Amino acid sequence: MNARPPDRPRGLYLLTPDEPDTAQLLARVAPVLPHATWLQYRNKRADAGVRRAQLVALLPLCRAMGVPLIVNDDWRLAAELGADGAHLGEDDGALADARAAMPPGTLLGASCYDDAANAHRAVDAGASYIAFGAFFPSPTKPAARIATKALLRDASLPPVPRVAIGGITPDNARQLVAAGADLVAVISGVFDARHPASAARAYRAAFDL
């Protein structure tokens, strides 16, 4: 793998749980946010009104802590509310449309699953980071395609941050970081832990290689 640029983001890419209550969501996110490099707002169960209200509530918290807030699936909502980025899966619309509509410098991520060719196409279309996985069985997406660590080592991939996702624990995160992951994306490993802040710190420690 090519040498990693010194200014490339590194660490815990924290994804929010499907929490219907906005006050409770903030109460769950606030203690762990200082340990996150990025935060992705993700709520697959909420309607459009709840998602908007939760994003509006999360934005000042993220700004205060200096953590970029990225919106899952909906780049239009991200652009409207002034979020720091959006993350798109294969069914969430065209990356090129999102890149053209969002301000310069906005983070734009693409789920590339288990396919390096997807990563090349995504970056050509404007993605600023690429995500692979699942690397391990995941309670969030039990039927997800399984990726291999060889993807993270692939020196031919575009020189953008590489995110690993899927079933990642503080223990197995180290092998993904060693293979070339710049960030590890986690939901349940933090938010379902007995002590979420301690779990978040443990994920960050996986980067102390």
C-alpha atoms as a PDB file:
ATOM      1  CA  MET A   1       0.000   0.000   0.000  1.00  0.00           C
ATOM      2  CA  ASN A   2       1.190   3.533  -0.714  1.00  0.00           C
ATOM      3  CA  ALA A   3       2.500   5.682   2.106  1.00  0.00           C
ATOM      4  CA  ARG A   4      -0.335   7.325   3.977  1.00  0.00           C
ATOM      5  CA  PRO A   5      -0.509  11.140   3.646  1.00  0.00           C
ATOM      6  CA  PRO A   6       0.056  12.751   7.045  1.00  0.00           C
ATOM      7  CA  ASP A   7      -3.138  14.813   6.879  1.00  0.00           C
ATOM      8  CA  ARG A   8      -5.438  11.888   6.061  1.00  0.00           C
ATOM      9  CA  PRO A   9      -8.192  11.413   8.693  1.00  0.00           C
ATOM     10  CA  ARG A  10      -7.700   8.434  10.954  1.00  0.00           C
ATOM     11  CA  GLY A  11      -9.705   6.853  13.748  1.00  0.00           C
ATOM     12  CA  LEU A  12     -13.257   6.001  14.730  1.00  0.00           C
ATOM     13  CA  TYR A  13     -16.016   6.716  12.219  1.00  0.00           C
ATOM     14  CA  LEU A  14     -19.018   6.573  14.529  1.00  0.00           C
ATOM     15  CA  LEU A  15     -22.504   5.892  13.153  1.00  0.00           C
ATOM     16  CA  THR A  16     -25.598   6.804  15.140  1.00  0.00           C
ATOM     17  CA  PRO A  17     -28.046   4.131  16.322  1.00  0.00           C
ATOM     18  CA  ASP A  18     -31.697   3.998  15.238  1.00  0.00           C
ATOM     19  CA  GLU A  19     -32.840   6.077  18.199  1.00  0.00           C
ATOM     20  CA  PRO A  20     -36.358   7.518  17.773  1.00  0.00           C
ATOM     21  CA  ASP A  21     -36.128  10.046  20.609  1.00  0.00           C
ATOM     22  CA  THR A  22     -34.021  13.074  19.706  1.00  0.00           C
ATOM     23  CA  ALA A  23     -33.156  14.027  23.294  1.00  0.00           C
ATOM     24  CA  GLN A  24     -32.087  10.457  23.990  1.00  0.00           C
ATOM     25  CA  LEU A  25     -30.019  10.390  20.794  1.00  0.00           C
ATOM     26  CA  LEU A  26     -28.117  13.483  21.916  1.00  0.00           C
ATOM     27  CA  ALA A  27     -27.636  11.979  25.372  1.00  0.00           C
ATOM     28  CA  ARG A  28     -26.163   8.836  23.823  1.00  0.00           C
ATOM     29  CA  VAL A  29     -23.950  10.609  21.295  1.00  0.00           C
ATOM     30  CA  ALA A  30     -22.502  13.383  23.472  1.00  0.00           C
ATOM     31  CA  PRO A  31     -20.316  11.207  25.774  1.00  0.00           C
ATOM     32  CA  VAL A  32     -18.727   9.297  22.899  1.00  0.00           C
ATOM     33  CA  LEU A  33     -18.380  12.083  20.344  1.00  0.00           C
ATOM     34  CA  PRO A  34     -15.021  13.348  21.701  1.00  0.00           C
ATOM     35  CA  HIS A  35     -13.525   9.977  20.729  1.00  0.00           C
ATOM     36  CA  ALA A  36     -14.831  10.049  17.145  1.00  0.00           C
ATOM     37  CA  THR A  37     -13.034  11.365  14.073  1.00  0.00           C
ATOM     38  CA  TRP A  38     -16.260  11.580  12.062  1.00  0.00           C
ATOM     39  CA  LEU A  39     -19.923  11.069  12.957  1.00  0.00           C
ATOM     40  CA  GLN A  40     -22.444   9.709  10.490  1.00  0.00           C
ATOM     41  CA  TYR A  41     -26.121  10.319  11.129  1.00  0.00           C
ATOM     42  CA  ARG A  42     -27.927   7.116  10.198  1.00  0.00           C
ATOM     43  CA  ASN A  43     -31.513   6.255  11.112  1.00  0.00           C
ATOM     44  CA  LYS A  44     -33.168   3.696   8.864  1.00  0.00           C
ATOM     45  CA  ARG A  45     -36.415   3.637  10.837  1.00  0.00           C
ATOM     46  CA  ALA A  46     -37.262   7.313  11.270  1.00  0.00           C
ATOM     47  CA  ASP A  47     -39.462   9.321   8.941  1.00  0.00           C
ATOM     48  CA  ALA A  48     -38.269  12.434   7.138  1.00  0.00           C
ATOM     49  CA  GLY A  49     -39.436  14.796   9.868  1.00  0.00           C
ATOM     50  CA  VAL A  50     -37.589  12.950  12.627  1.00  0.00           C
ATOM     51  CA  ARG A  51     -34.422  12.699  10.561  1.00  0.00           C
ATOM     52  CA  ARG A  52     -34.460  16.416   9.882  1.00  0.00           C
ATOM     53  CA  ALA A  53     -35.072  17.271  13.554  1.00  0.00           C
ATOM     54  CA  GLN A  54     -32.319  14.947  14.721  1.00  0.00           C
ATOM     55  CA  LEU A  55     -29.822  16.374  12.256  1.00  0.00           C
ATOM     56  CA  VAL A  56     -30.678  19.916  13.302  1.00  0.00           C
ATOM     57  CA  ALA A  57     -30.045  18.874  16.923  1.00  0.00           C
ATOM     58  CA  LEU A  58     -26.788  17.055  16.169  1.00  0.00           C
ATOM     59  CA  LEU A  59     -25.177  19.782  14.061  1.00  0.00           C
ATOM     60  CA  PRO A  60     -24.385  22.241  16.888  1.00  0.00           C
ATOM     61  CA  LEU A  61     -23.096  19.405  19.074  1.00  0.00           C
ATOM     62  CA  CYS A  62     -20.732  18.276  16.327  1.00  0.00           C
ATOM     63  CA  ARG A  63     -19.648  21.838  15.600  1.00  0.00           C
ATOM     64  CA  ALA A  64     -18.872  22.426  19.271  1.00  0.00           C
ATOM     65  CA  MET A  65     -16.683  19.319  19.377  1.00  0.00           C
ATOM     66  CA  GLY A  66     -15.096  19.821  15.973  1.00  0.00           C
ATOM     67  CA  VAL A  67     -16.368  16.519  14.582  1.00  0.00           C
ATOM     68  CA  PRO A  68     -17.610  16.509  10.967  1.00  0.00           C
ATOM     69  CA  LEU A  69     -21.227  15.346  10.609  1.00  0.00           C
ATOM     70  CA  ILE A  70     -21.996  13.164   7.591  1.00  0.00           C
ATOM     71  CA  VAL A  71     -25.529  12.222   6.526  1.00  0.00           C
ATOM     72  CA  ASN A  72     -26.286   8.682   5.433  1.00  0.00           C
ATOM     73  CA  ASP A  73     -28.263   8.153   2.206  1.00  0.00           C
ATOM     74  CA  ASP A  74     -29.648  11.683   1.706  1.00  0.00           C
ATOM     75  CA  TRP A  75     -27.200  14.155   0.161  1.00  0.00           C
ATOM     76  CA  ARG A  76     -29.980  16.642  -0.524  1.00  0.00           C
ATOM     77  CA  LEU A  77     -30.801  16.911   3.170  1.00  0.00           C
ATOM     78  CA  ALA A  78     -27.099  17.165   3.986  1.00  0.00           C
ATOM     79  CA  ALA A  79     -26.695  20.048   1.555  1.00  0.00           C
ATOM     80  CA  GLU A  80     -29.848  21.807   2.746  1.00  0.00           C
ATOM     81  CA  LEU A  81     -28.846  21.721   6.407  1.00  0.00           C
ATOM     82  CA  GLY A  82     -25.160  22.460   5.844  1.00  0.00           C
ATOM     83  CA  ALA A  83     -23.831  19.142   7.094  1.00  0.00           C
ATOM     84  CA  ASP A  84     -20.176  18.347   6.461  1.00  0.00           C
ATOM     85  CA  GLY A  85     -20.862  15.495   4.092  1.00  0.00           C
ATOM     86  CA  ALA A  86     -23.003  12.662   2.829  1.00  0.00           C
ATOM     87  CA  HIS A  87     -22.525   8.938   2.419  1.00  0.00           C
ATOM     88  CA  LEU A  88     -24.206   7.057  -0.417  1.00  0.00           C
ATOM     89  CA  GLY A  89     -24.822   3.367  -0.962  1.00  0.00           C
ATOM     90  CA  GLU A  90     -25.438   1.791  -4.329  1.00  0.00           C
ATOM     91  CA  ASP A  91     -29.158   2.656  -4.253  1.00  0.00           C
ATOM     92  CA  ASP A  92     -28.909   6.220  -2.904  1.00  0.00           C
ATOM     93  CA  GLY A  93     -28.505   8.181  -6.118  1.00  0.00           C
ATOM     94  CA  ALA A  94     -25.644   9.309  -8.327  1.00  0.00           C
ATOM     95  CA  LEU A  95     -22.424  10.407  -6.688  1.00  0.00           C
ATOM     96  CA  ALA A  96     -21.777  12.826  -9.535  1.00  0.00           C
ATOM     97  CA  ASP A  97     -25.080  14.583  -8.866  1.00  0.00           C
ATOM     98  CA  ALA A  98     -24.262  14.872  -5.172  1.00  0.00           C
ATOM     99  CA  ARG A  99     -20.767  16.215  -5.858  1.00  0.00           C
ATOM    100  CA  ALA A 100     -22.083  18.784  -8.326  1.00  0.00           C
ATOM    101  CA  ALA A 101     -24.699  20.054  -5.873  1.00  0.00           C
ATOM    102  CA  MET A 102     -22.644  20.148  -2.683  1.00  0.00           C
ATOM    103  CA  PRO A 103     -20.104  22.835  -1.743  1.00  0.00           C
ATOM    104  CA  PRO A 104     -16.417  22.297  -2.515  1.00  0.00           C
ATOM    105  CA  GLY A 105     -14.667  20.394   0.231  1.00  0.00           C
ATOM    106  CA  THR A 106     -17.781  18.543   1.350  1.00  0.00           C
ATOM    107  CA  LEU A 107     -17.065  14.961   2.374  1.00  0.00           C
ATOM    108  CA  LEU A 108     -18.708  12.485   0.019  1.00  0.00           C
ATOM    109  CA  GLY A 109     -18.438   8.807   0.790  1.00  0.00           C
ATOM    110  CA  ALA A 110     -19.357   5.745  -1.208  1.00  0.00           C
ATOM    111  CA  SER A 111     -20.099   2.208  -0.096  1.00  0.00           C
ATOM    112  CA  CYS A 112     -17.962  -0.017  -2.310  1.00  0.00           C
ATOM    113  CA  TYR A 113     -18.788  -3.282  -0.526  1.00  0.00           C
ATOM    114  CA  ASP A 114     -16.332  -5.965  -1.693  1.00  0.00           C
ATOM    115  CA  ASP A 115     -15.355  -4.513  -5.063  1.00  0.00           C
ATOM    116  CA  ALA A 116     -12.282  -2.443  -5.951  1.00  0.00           C
ATOM    117  CA  ALA A 117     -13.830  -1.508  -9.303  1.00  0.00           C
ATOM    118  CA  ASN A 118     -16.661   0.187  -7.420  1.00  0.00           C
ATOM    119  CA  ALA A 119     -14.069   2.282  -5.592  1.00  0.00           C
ATOM    120  CA  HIS A 120     -12.471   3.508  -8.808  1.00  0.00           C
ATOM    121  CA  ARG A 121     -15.855   4.422 -10.274  1.00  0.00           C
ATOM    122  CA  ALA A 122     -16.882   6.179  -7.065  1.00  0.00           C
ATOM    123  CA  VAL A 123     -13.797   8.386  -6.919  1.00  0.00           C
ATOM    124  CA  ASP A 124     -14.104   9.176 -10.624  1.00  0.00           C
ATOM    125  CA  ALA A 125     -17.653  10.362  -9.845  1.00  0.00           C
ATOM    126  CA  GLY A 126     -16.506  12.594  -6.993  1.00  0.00           C
ATOM    127  CA  ALA A 127     -16.256  10.468  -3.843  1.00  0.00           C
ATOM    128  CA  SER A 128     -13.733  11.777  -1.340  1.00  0.00           C
ATOM    129  CA  TYR A 129     -13.571   8.524   0.645  1.00  0.00           C
ATOM    130  CA  ILE A 130     -14.445   4.885   0.011  1.00  0.00           C
ATOM    131  CA  ALA A 131     -15.913   2.304   2.379  1.00  0.00           C
ATOM    132  CA  PHE A 132     -15.487  -1.459   2.176  1.00  0.00           C
ATOM    133  CA  GLY A 133     -17.227  -4.221   4.094  1.00  0.00           C
ATOM    134  CA  ALA A 134     -18.589  -6.051   5.835  1.00  0.00           C
ATOM    135  CA  PHE A 135     -15.282  -7.501   7.010  1.00  0.00           C
ATOM    136  CA  PHE A 136     -16.885  -9.564   9.755  1.00  0.00           C
ATOM    137  CA  PRO A 137     -20.462 -10.718  10.460  1.00  0.00           C
ATOM    138  CA  SER A 138     -22.475  -7.659  11.432  1.00  0.00           C
ATOM    139  CA  PRO A 139     -25.596  -7.445  13.603  1.00  0.00           C
ATOM    140  CA  THR A 140     -26.600  -4.296  11.720  1.00  0.00           C
ATOM    141  CA  LYS A 141     -26.420  -5.925   8.271  1.00  0.00           C
ATOM    142  CA  PRO A 142     -26.405  -9.706   8.734  1.00  0.00           C
ATOM    143  CA  ALA A 143     -26.717 -10.369   4.987  1.00  0.00           C
ATOM    144  CA  ALA A 144     -23.935  -7.991   3.929  1.00  0.00           C
ATOM    145  CA  ARG A 145     -21.352  -9.039   1.374  1.00  0.00           C
ATOM    146  CA  ILE A 146     -18.038  -9.995   2.962  1.00  0.00           C
ATOM    147  CA  ALA A 147     -14.909  -8.048   1.990  1.00  0.00           C
ATOM    148  CA  THR A 148     -11.301  -9.149   2.410  1.00  0.00           C
ATOM    149  CA  LYS A 149      -8.376  -7.277   3.940  1.00  0.00           C
ATOM    150  CA  ALA A 150      -6.671  -7.448   0.553  1.00  0.00           C
ATOM    151  CA  LEU A 151      -8.908  -4.579  -0.544  1.00  0.00           C
ATOM    152  CA  LEU A 152      -7.442  -2.348   2.138  1.00  0.00           C
ATOM    153  CA  ARG A 153      -3.919  -3.273   1.027  1.00  0.00           C
ATOM    154  CA  ASP A 154      -4.583  -2.658  -2.676  1.00  0.00           C
ATOM    155  CA  ALA A 155      -2.023  -0.069  -3.774  1.00  0.00           C
ATOM    156  CA  SER A 156      -3.884   0.530  -7.035  1.00  0.00           C
ATOM    157  CA  LEU A 157      -6.883   2.057  -5.266  1.00  0.00           C
ATOM    158  CA  PRO A 158      -7.399   5.828  -5.509  1.00  0.00           C
ATOM    159  CA  PRO A 159      -5.475   7.792  -2.830  1.00  0.00           C
ATOM    160  CA  VAL A 160      -8.483   8.698  -0.691  1.00  0.00           C
ATOM    161  CA  PRO A 161      -9.323   7.566   2.860  1.00  0.00           C
ATOM    162  CA  ARG A 162     -10.377   3.931   3.174  1.00  0.00           C
ATOM    163  CA  VAL A 163     -13.104   3.048   5.654  1.00  0.00           C
ATOM    164  CA  ALA A 164     -13.691  -0.460   6.987  1.00  0.00           C
ATOM    165  CA  ILE A 165     -17.150  -1.443   8.192  1.00  0.00           C
ATOM    166  CA  GLY A 166     -19.005  -4.495   9.417  1.00  0.00           C
ATOM    167  CA  GLY A 167     -18.716  -6.454  12.658  1.00  0.00           C
ATOM    168  CA  ILE A 168     -15.660  -4.539  13.846  1.00  0.00           C
ATOM    169  CA  THR A 169     -14.568  -4.875  17.472  1.00  0.00           C
ATOM    170  CA  PRO A 170     -11.671  -3.143  19.229  1.00  0.00           C
ATOM    171  CA  ASP A 171      -9.724  -6.405  18.918  1.00  0.00           C
ATOM    172  CA  ASN A 172     -10.244  -7.129  15.238  1.00  0.00           C
ATOM    173  CA  ALA A 173      -9.972  -3.448  14.325  1.00  0.00           C
ATOM    174  CA  ARG A 174      -6.204  -3.662  14.719  1.00  0.00           C
ATOM    175  CA  GLN A 175      -5.826  -6.080  11.838  1.00  0.00           C
ATOM    176  CA  LEU A 176      -7.869  -3.809   9.585  1.00  0.00           C
ATOM    177  CA  VAL A 177      -5.800  -0.783  10.564  1.00  0.00           C
ATOM    178  CA  ALA A 178      -2.630  -2.765   9.902  1.00  0.00           C
ATOM    179  CA  ALA A 179      -4.010  -3.712   6.471  1.00  0.00           C
ATOM    180  CA  GLY A 180      -4.618  -0.057   5.566  1.00  0.00           C
ATOM    181  CA  ALA A 181      -7.934   1.138   6.971  1.00  0.00           C
ATOM    182  CA  ASP A 182      -7.840   4.849   7.747  1.00  0.00           C
ATOM    183  CA  LEU A 183     -11.096   4.720   9.691  1.00  0.00           C
ATOM    184  CA  VAL A 184     -13.264   1.986  11.184  1.00  0.00           C
ATOM    185  CA  ALA A 185     -17.027   2.510  11.074  1.00  0.00           C
ATOM    186  CA  VAL A 186     -18.952   1.296  14.100  1.00  0.00           C
ATOM    187  CA  ILE A 187     -22.505   1.426  15.479  1.00  0.00           C
ATOM    188  CA  SER A 188     -23.326  -1.397  17.888  1.00  0.00           C
ATOM    189  CA  GLY A 189     -19.749  -1.884  19.057  1.00  0.00           C
ATOM    190  CA  VAL A 190     -20.017   1.498  20.777  1.00  0.00           C
ATOM    191  CA  PHE A 191     -23.698   2.132  21.382  1.00  0.00           C
ATOM    192  CA  ASP A 192     -24.571  -1.393  22.547  1.00  0.00           C
ATOM    193  CA  ALA A 193     -21.530  -1.605  24.820  1.00  0.00           C
ATOM    194  CA  ARG A 194     -21.976  -1.533  28.583  1.00  0.00           C
ATOM    195  CA  HIS A 195     -19.694   1.511  28.732  1.00  0.00           C
ATOM    196  CA  PRO A 196     -19.925   3.270  25.335  1.00  0.00           C
ATOM    197  CA  ALA A 197     -17.237   5.896  26.018  1.00  0.00           C
ATOM    198  CA  SER A 198     -14.768   3.196  27.086  1.00  0.00           C
ATOM    199  CA  ALA A 199     -15.598   1.211  23.945  1.00  0.00           C
ATOM    200  CA  ALA A 200     -15.026   4.285  21.786  1.00  0.00           C
ATOM    201  CA  ARG A 201     -11.638   4.842  23.417  1.00  0.00           C
ATOM    202  CA  ALA A 202     -10.747   1.208  22.742  1.00  0.00           C
ATOM    203  CA  TYR A 203     -11.464   1.657  19.036  1.00  0.00           C
ATOM    204  CA  ARG A 204      -9.240   4.723  18.949  1.00  0.00           C
ATOM    205  CA  ALA A 205      -6.500   2.766  20.654  1.00  0.00           C
ATOM    206  CA  ALA A 206      -6.552   0.310  17.743  1.00  0.00           C
ATOM    207  CA  PHE A 207      -4.797   3.005  15.714  1.00  0.00           C
ATOM    208  CA  ASP A 208      -1.829   3.141  18.108  1.00  0.00           C
ATOM    209  CA  LEU A 209       0.238   0.774  15.996  1.00  0.00           C
END
